[in-house]
Structures are given as C-alpha cells and as structure tokens.
Amino acid sequence: MSSIQSPGLSLGSFQALAKTGEAVALKGGALQSTASAKQGFFTRVMNWLRGESSSKINSATKNAFTAAIGQGLTQQGLDTVLRRGGFDAGSRKPLSSREINHVASAKNQLMGETKQLNKLLAELTGVQADIKAKKAVFEEKSRATQQSPSEHTYRASKAAGEELRAARTQGLALADKIQAQVKLMNA
C-alpha cells in the first residue's frame, strides 16, 4: 500500500496512487492506495473497530480530489471537468483509480481546449488591429477621392475598401471559430 502525506494534495498525487491500486483513500491526512475499490464486510468491520467511517473517509477523499482537480480552474471549469469525467462527488463509493483517470483526462482535454481558445483570441486581437488600420487607410483614400475625384484616387479608394472587407471577413471567420470553440468547451 502506497501513501502520500501532504497538506495540499495535488492531482499528481492522486494520479500516482491511482497507478498503484484500484482505489485511493484519505486516512489520517495521508492519501493511500488500496487494493480494491470495493470495501467488503471485513474491511468495514475493521474500519468500524478503528473508529473510522467508510463513508466519511470516502467523502473526505472525494472532497480532497475535487479541490485538487479545481486548482487552476474556475467554478464553471471545475463543473465541466467533473461532468465530463463522470464524477459523482456525492457517491458513497471509494474514489476509484478509473474515476481519477477519467477526471484527469477531462481536465487535460479542457486545458487543451482553453489553450486553443486563447490562441484564437490572440489571433483575433491581431485581426482587429489590422481592421482598424485598414479602415483608417480606406477613410483617408475616400476623403482624397471626395476632394479630388479622379480615376487614380477612385482605384486607390476601391482597393483600400476591398482590403478592409477582406480583413473584416477574416475577423468574422475567426469569430465563428471562437464561437465554435466556446460551444465545444461548454458541451
């Protein structure tokens, strides 16, 4: 039986112990791997004789796991990870290695999606700056055409307008990608 004693347990602690046993339990402030996620009659009797309540141990373990998963996440992110991982914090069953792995995988997936969203948002910032610059050029060329109408000033204004429309189209396409990414993250 492996164990880890720490005041602030991390997801890595749970994952390390999940590799060594079928379940993980928090007993006396120490995180321990157990041979079986199922507690038989003998285990329950021994816990009772030691003054330990299986349901309290399971509840404390799941609370510590939820806190470890929630590190670096908003409440909405935590809820999404727990839902995607199929985690039932209210269950009286021990925290199984399978649950730990599913929830950790869901967190990794959400973190990857968040990274992708941040990349798209950074790209949008650049496109917005490009649109602003092209709009200023278009307005300048349009004023020049109004002040001195000629084929030369008209062509310059038309070209600037086309560049502005292309930049706006790019911005709209990027906004659609961002919207799809947010929808995926909230699914």
C-alpha atoms as a PDB file:
ATOM      1  CA  MET A   1       0.000   0.000   0.000  1.00  0.00           C
ATOM      2  CA  SER A   2       1.499   3.351  -1.062  1.00  0.00           C
ATOM      3  CA  SER A   3       0.731   6.633   0.633  1.00  0.00           C
ATOM      4  CA  ILE A   4       1.387  10.350   0.260  1.00  0.00           C
ATOM      5  CA  GLN A   5       1.163  12.790   3.173  1.00  0.00           C
ATOM      6  CA  SER A   6       0.663  16.414   2.212  1.00  0.00           C
ATOM      7  CA  PRO A   7      -1.360  19.365   3.484  1.00  0.00           C
ATOM      8  CA  GLY A   8      -2.319  20.377  -0.073  1.00  0.00           C
ATOM      9  CA  LEU A   9      -2.823  17.328  -2.222  1.00  0.00           C
ATOM     10  CA  SER A  10      -2.323  17.710  -5.944  1.00  0.00           C
ATOM     11  CA  LEU A  11      -3.886  15.943  -8.877  1.00  0.00           C
ATOM     12  CA  GLY A  12      -0.489  14.361  -9.487  1.00  0.00           C
ATOM     13  CA  SER A  13      -0.635  12.756  -6.024  1.00  0.00           C
ATOM     14  CA  PHE A  14      -3.964  11.142  -6.830  1.00  0.00           C
ATOM     15  CA  GLN A  15      -2.765  10.023 -10.262  1.00  0.00           C
ATOM     16  CA  ALA A  16       0.426   8.497  -8.847  1.00  0.00           C
ATOM     17  CA  LEU A  17      -1.536   6.442  -6.323  1.00  0.00           C
ATOM     18  CA  ALA A  18      -4.152   5.504  -8.915  1.00  0.00           C
ATOM     19  CA  LYS A  19      -1.390   3.654 -10.779  1.00  0.00           C
ATOM     20  CA  THR A  20      -0.573   1.530  -7.732  1.00  0.00           C
ATOM     21  CA  GLY A  21      -4.050   0.348  -6.729  1.00  0.00           C
ATOM     22  CA  GLU A  22      -7.711   0.138  -7.604  1.00  0.00           C
ATOM     23  CA  ALA A  23      -8.790   2.957  -5.303  1.00  0.00           C
ATOM     24  CA  VAL A  24      -7.457   5.872  -3.284  1.00  0.00           C
ATOM     25  CA  ALA A  25      -8.450   6.875   0.254  1.00  0.00           C
ATOM     26  CA  LEU A  26      -7.572   9.794   2.521  1.00  0.00           C
ATOM     27  CA  LYS A  27      -6.914   8.406   6.002  1.00  0.00           C
ATOM     28  CA  GLY A  28      -5.415  10.444   8.812  1.00  0.00           C
ATOM     29  CA  GLY A  29      -4.289  13.167   6.433  1.00  0.00           C
ATOM     30  CA  ALA A  30      -2.420  10.685   4.255  1.00  0.00           C
ATOM     31  CA  LEU A  31      -3.502   9.676   0.796  1.00  0.00           C
ATOM     32  CA  GLN A  32      -3.266   5.895   0.352  1.00  0.00           C
ATOM     33  CA  SER A  33      -3.817   3.493  -2.487  1.00  0.00           C
ATOM     34  CA  THR A  34      -5.958   0.468  -1.710  1.00  0.00           C
ATOM     35  CA  ALA A  35      -6.078  -2.913  -3.349  1.00  0.00           C
ATOM     36  CA  SER A  36      -9.785  -2.788  -4.043  1.00  0.00           C
ATOM     37  CA  ALA A  37     -12.334  -0.090  -4.728  1.00  0.00           C
ATOM     38  CA  LYS A  38     -14.941  -2.323  -3.120  1.00  0.00           C
ATOM     39  CA  GLN A  39     -14.998  -2.495   0.639  1.00  0.00           C
ATOM     40  CA  GLY A  40     -16.000  -5.862   1.896  1.00  0.00           C
ATOM     41  CA  PHE A  41     -17.607  -6.741   5.175  1.00  0.00           C
ATOM     42  CA  PHE A  42     -14.277  -7.401   6.886  1.00  0.00           C
ATOM     43  CA  THR A  43     -12.864  -4.009   5.815  1.00  0.00           C
ATOM     44  CA  ARG A  44     -15.961  -2.207   7.061  1.00  0.00           C
ATOM     45  CA  VAL A  45     -15.771  -4.044  10.404  1.00  0.00           C
ATOM     46  CA  MET A  46     -12.076  -3.195  10.785  1.00  0.00           C
ATOM     47  CA  ASN A  47     -12.762   0.450   9.951  1.00  0.00           C
ATOM     48  CA  TRP A  48     -15.569   0.488  12.499  1.00  0.00           C
ATOM     49  CA  LEU A  49     -13.311  -1.045  15.174  1.00  0.00           C
ATOM     50  CA  ARG A  50     -10.674   1.628  14.455  1.00  0.00           C
ATOM     51  CA  GLY A  51     -13.349   4.300  14.719  1.00  0.00           C
ATOM     52  CA  GLU A  52     -13.186   5.098  11.019  1.00  0.00           C
ATOM     53  CA  SER A  53     -16.301   5.557   8.959  1.00  0.00           C
ATOM     54  CA  SER A  54     -16.009   4.380   5.362  1.00  0.00           C
ATOM     55  CA  SER A  55     -18.494   6.985   4.203  1.00  0.00           C
ATOM     56  CA  LYS A  56     -16.563   9.783   5.974  1.00  0.00           C
ATOM     57  CA  ILE A  57     -13.282   8.555   4.504  1.00  0.00           C
ATOM     58  CA  ASN A  58     -14.825   8.368   1.029  1.00  0.00           C
ATOM     59  CA  SER A  59     -16.386  11.806   1.400  1.00  0.00           C
ATOM     60  CA  ALA A  60     -13.127  13.374   2.636  1.00  0.00           C
ATOM     61  CA  THR A  61     -11.197  11.683  -0.171  1.00  0.00           C
ATOM     62  CA  LYS A  62     -13.615  12.941  -2.834  1.00  0.00           C
ATOM     63  CA  ASN A  63     -13.568  16.456  -1.360  1.00  0.00           C
ATOM     64  CA  ALA A  64      -9.751  16.491  -1.446  1.00  0.00           C
ATOM     65  CA  PHE A  65      -9.819  15.154  -5.014  1.00  0.00           C
ATOM     66  CA  THR A  66     -12.316  17.816  -6.098  1.00  0.00           C
ATOM     67  CA  ALA A  67     -10.093  20.503  -4.544  1.00  0.00           C
ATOM     68  CA  ALA A  68      -7.047  19.074  -6.344  1.00  0.00           C
ATOM     69  CA  ILE A  69      -8.883  18.981  -9.681  1.00  0.00           C
ATOM     70  CA  GLY A  70     -10.135  22.533  -9.166  1.00  0.00           C
ATOM     71  CA  GLN A  71      -6.652  24.019  -8.876  1.00  0.00           C
ATOM     72  CA  GLY A  72      -6.261  26.492 -11.724  1.00  0.00           C
ATOM     73  CA  LEU A  73      -9.912  26.252 -12.823  1.00  0.00           C
ATOM     74  CA  THR A  74     -12.917  28.489 -12.421  1.00  0.00           C
ATOM     75  CA  GLN A  75     -16.027  27.011 -10.819  1.00  0.00           C
ATOM     76  CA  GLN A  76     -17.555  26.597 -14.274  1.00  0.00           C
ATOM     77  CA  GLY A  77     -14.396  24.864 -15.488  1.00  0.00           C
ATOM     78  CA  LEU A  78     -14.428  22.550 -12.472  1.00  0.00           C
ATOM     79  CA  ASP A  79     -18.082  21.704 -13.056  1.00  0.00           C
ATOM     80  CA  THR A  80     -17.340  20.967 -16.716  1.00  0.00           C
ATOM     81  CA  VAL A  81     -14.396  18.707 -15.865  1.00  0.00           C
ATOM     82  CA  LEU A  82     -16.354  16.770 -13.233  1.00  0.00           C
ATOM     83  CA  ARG A  83     -19.320  16.367 -15.585  1.00  0.00           C
ATOM     84  CA  ARG A  84     -17.146  15.240 -18.496  1.00  0.00           C
ATOM     85  CA  GLY A  85     -15.232  12.854 -16.248  1.00  0.00           C
ATOM     86  CA  GLY A  86     -18.477  11.320 -14.960  1.00  0.00           C
ATOM     87  CA  PHE A  87     -17.513  12.099 -11.370  1.00  0.00           C
ATOM     88  CA  ASP A  88     -20.169  11.816  -8.663  1.00  0.00           C
ATOM     89  CA  ALA A  89     -18.898  13.629  -5.580  1.00  0.00           C
ATOM     90  CA  GLY A  90     -21.972  12.562  -3.597  1.00  0.00           C
ATOM     91  CA  SER A  91     -21.396   8.850  -4.144  1.00  0.00           C
ATOM     92  CA  ARG A  92     -20.606   6.796  -1.038  1.00  0.00           C
ATOM     93  CA  LYS A  93     -18.268   4.547  -3.006  1.00  0.00           C
ATOM     94  CA  PRO A  94     -14.485   4.831  -2.648  1.00  0.00           C
ATOM     95  CA  LEU A  95     -12.609   7.009  -5.132  1.00  0.00           C
ATOM     96  CA  SER A  96     -11.549   4.556  -7.812  1.00  0.00           C
ATOM     97  CA  SER A  97      -8.454   4.781  -9.969  1.00  0.00           C
ATOM     98  CA  ARG A  98     -10.726   4.727 -13.002  1.00  0.00           C
ATOM     99  CA  GLU A  99     -12.561   7.848 -11.754  1.00  0.00           C
ATOM    100  CA  ILE A 100      -9.268   9.621 -11.114  1.00  0.00           C
ATOM    101  CA  ASN A 101      -8.032   8.832 -14.623  1.00  0.00           C
ATOM    102  CA  HIS A 102     -11.304   9.849 -16.311  1.00  0.00           C
ATOM    103  CA  VAL A 103     -11.473  13.185 -14.497  1.00  0.00           C
ATOM    104  CA  ALA A 104      -7.761  13.894 -15.057  1.00  0.00           C
ATOM    105  CA  SER A 105      -8.250  13.173 -18.754  1.00  0.00           C
ATOM    106  CA  ALA A 106     -11.261  15.519 -18.836  1.00  0.00           C
ATOM    107  CA  LYS A 107      -9.172  18.260 -17.187  1.00  0.00           C
ATOM    108  CA  ASN A 108      -6.356  17.785 -19.705  1.00  0.00           C
ATOM    109  CA  GLN A 109      -8.888  17.983 -22.540  1.00  0.00           C
ATOM    110  CA  LEU A 110     -10.414  21.184 -21.144  1.00  0.00           C
ATOM    111  CA  MET A 111      -6.976  22.728 -20.646  1.00  0.00           C
ATOM    112  CA  GLY A 112      -6.099  21.930 -24.264  1.00  0.00           C
ATOM    113  CA  GLU A 113      -9.352  23.476 -25.447  1.00  0.00           C
ATOM    114  CA  THR A 114      -8.661  26.567 -23.320  1.00  0.00           C
ATOM    115  CA  LYS A 115      -5.193  26.871 -24.828  1.00  0.00           C
ATOM    116  CA  GLN A 116      -6.730  26.684 -28.324  1.00  0.00           C
ATOM    117  CA  LEU A 117      -9.307  29.344 -27.381  1.00  0.00           C
ATOM    118  CA  ASN A 118      -6.598  31.662 -26.049  1.00  0.00           C
ATOM    119  CA  LYS A 119      -4.653  31.210 -29.288  1.00  0.00           C
ATOM    120  CA  LEU A 120      -7.742  32.151 -31.317  1.00  0.00           C
ATOM    121  CA  LEU A 121      -8.405  35.188 -29.106  1.00  0.00           C
ATOM    122  CA  ALA A 122      -4.813  36.378 -29.547  1.00  0.00           C
ATOM    123  CA  GLU A 123      -5.182  35.963 -33.301  1.00  0.00           C
ATOM    124  CA  LEU A 124      -8.436  37.943 -33.189  1.00  0.00           C
ATOM    125  CA  THR A 125      -6.658  40.800 -31.408  1.00  0.00           C
ATOM    126  CA  GLY A 126      -4.210  40.994 -34.315  1.00  0.00           C
ATOM    127  CA  VAL A 127      -7.012  40.897 -36.875  1.00  0.00           C
ATOM    128  CA  GLN A 128      -8.882  43.661 -35.026  1.00  0.00           C
ATOM    129  CA  ALA A 129      -5.767  45.862 -35.149  1.00  0.00           C
ATOM    130  CA  ASP A 130      -5.439  45.100 -38.875  1.00  0.00           C
ATOM    131  CA  ILE A 131      -9.095  46.047 -39.475  1.00  0.00           C
ATOM    132  CA  LYS A 132      -8.615  49.313 -37.598  1.00  0.00           C
ATOM    133  CA  ALA A 133      -5.525  50.195 -39.653  1.00  0.00           C
ATOM    134  CA  LYS A 134      -7.219  49.285 -42.958  1.00  0.00           C
ATOM    135  CA  LYS A 135     -10.311  51.276 -42.007  1.00  0.00           C
ATOM    136  CA  ALA A 136      -8.138  54.361 -41.407  1.00  0.00           C
ATOM    137  CA  VAL A 137      -6.472  53.889 -44.826  1.00  0.00           C
ATOM    138  CA  PHE A 138      -9.854  53.439 -46.514  1.00  0.00           C
ATOM    139  CA  GLU A 139     -11.256  56.584 -44.878  1.00  0.00           C
ATOM    140  CA  GLU A 140      -8.171  58.545 -45.958  1.00  0.00           C
ATOM    141  CA  LYS A 141      -8.469  57.285 -49.565  1.00  0.00           C
ATOM    142  CA  SER A 142     -12.209  58.026 -49.571  1.00  0.00           C
ATOM    143  CA  ARG A 143     -11.586  61.626 -48.439  1.00  0.00           C
ATOM    144  CA  ALA A 144      -8.950  62.004 -51.157  1.00  0.00           C
ATOM    145  CA  THR A 145     -11.479  60.758 -53.746  1.00  0.00           C
ATOM    146  CA  GLN A 146     -14.098  63.240 -52.497  1.00  0.00           C
ATOM    147  CA  GLN A 147     -11.634  66.142 -52.562  1.00  0.00           C
ATOM    148  CA  SER A 148     -10.097  65.293 -55.913  1.00  0.00           C
ATOM    149  CA  PRO A 149     -12.243  62.834 -57.881  1.00  0.00           C
ATOM    150  CA  SER A 150     -10.198  61.019 -60.478  1.00  0.00           C
ATOM    151  CA  GLU A 151      -9.681  57.503 -61.748  1.00  0.00           C
ATOM    152  CA  HIS A 152      -6.439  57.268 -59.769  1.00  0.00           C
ATOM    153  CA  THR A 153      -7.992  58.265 -56.394  1.00  0.00           C
ATOM    154  CA  TYR A 154     -11.069  56.108 -57.088  1.00  0.00           C
ATOM    155  CA  ARG A 155      -8.935  52.998 -57.727  1.00  0.00           C
ATOM    156  CA  ALA A 156      -6.930  53.600 -54.533  1.00  0.00           C
ATOM    157  CA  SER A 157     -10.147  54.018 -52.532  1.00  0.00           C
ATOM    158  CA  LYS A 158     -11.677  50.905 -54.104  1.00  0.00           C
ATOM    159  CA  ALA A 159      -8.539  48.819 -53.366  1.00  0.00           C
ATOM    160  CA  ALA A 160      -8.482  50.053 -49.749  1.00  0.00           C
ATOM    161  CA  GLY A 161     -12.189  49.158 -49.417  1.00  0.00           C
ATOM    162  CA  GLU A 162     -11.544  45.642 -50.736  1.00  0.00           C
ATOM    163  CA  GLU A 163      -8.695  45.145 -48.275  1.00  0.00           C
ATOM    164  CA  LEU A 164     -10.937  46.350 -45.439  1.00  0.00           C
ATOM    165  CA  ARG A 165     -13.728  43.931 -46.475  1.00  0.00           C
ATOM    166  CA  ALA A 166     -11.230  41.059 -46.668  1.00  0.00           C
ATOM    167  CA  ALA A 167      -9.926  41.856 -43.170  1.00  0.00           C
ATOM    168  CA  ARG A 168     -13.485  42.041 -41.813  1.00  0.00           C
ATOM    169  CA  THR A 169     -14.315  38.709 -43.473  1.00  0.00           C
ATOM    170  CA  GLN A 170     -11.241  37.210 -41.835  1.00  0.00           C
ATOM    171  CA  GLY A 171     -12.364  38.641 -38.484  1.00  0.00           C
ATOM    172  CA  LEU A 172     -15.859  37.183 -38.875  1.00  0.00           C
ATOM    173  CA  ALA A 173     -14.445  33.768 -39.775  1.00  0.00           C
ATOM    174  CA  LEU A 174     -12.222  33.893 -36.705  1.00  0.00           C
ATOM    175  CA  ALA A 175     -15.179  34.953 -34.531  1.00  0.00           C
ATOM    176  CA  ASP A 176     -17.079  31.901 -35.832  1.00  0.00           C
ATOM    177  CA  LYS A 177     -14.145  29.660 -34.872  1.00  0.00           C
ATOM    178  CA  ILE A 178     -14.084  31.200 -31.393  1.00  0.00           C
ATOM    179  CA  GLN A 179     -17.812  30.703 -31.005  1.00  0.00           C
ATOM    180  CA  ALA A 180     -17.482  27.042 -32.067  1.00  0.00           C
ATOM    181  CA  GLN A 181     -14.598  26.535 -29.606  1.00  0.00           C
ATOM    182  CA  VAL A 182     -16.604  28.037 -26.731  1.00  0.00           C
ATOM    183  CA  LYS A 183     -19.562  25.842 -27.663  1.00  0.00           C
ATOM    184  CA  LEU A 184     -17.287  22.782 -27.650  1.00  0.00           C
ATOM    185  CA  MET A 185     -15.912  23.729 -24.237  1.00  0.00           C
ATOM    186  CA  ASN A 186     -19.387  24.145 -22.765  1.00  0.00           C
ATOM    187  CA  ALA A 187     -20.648  20.853 -24.205  1.00  0.00           C
END
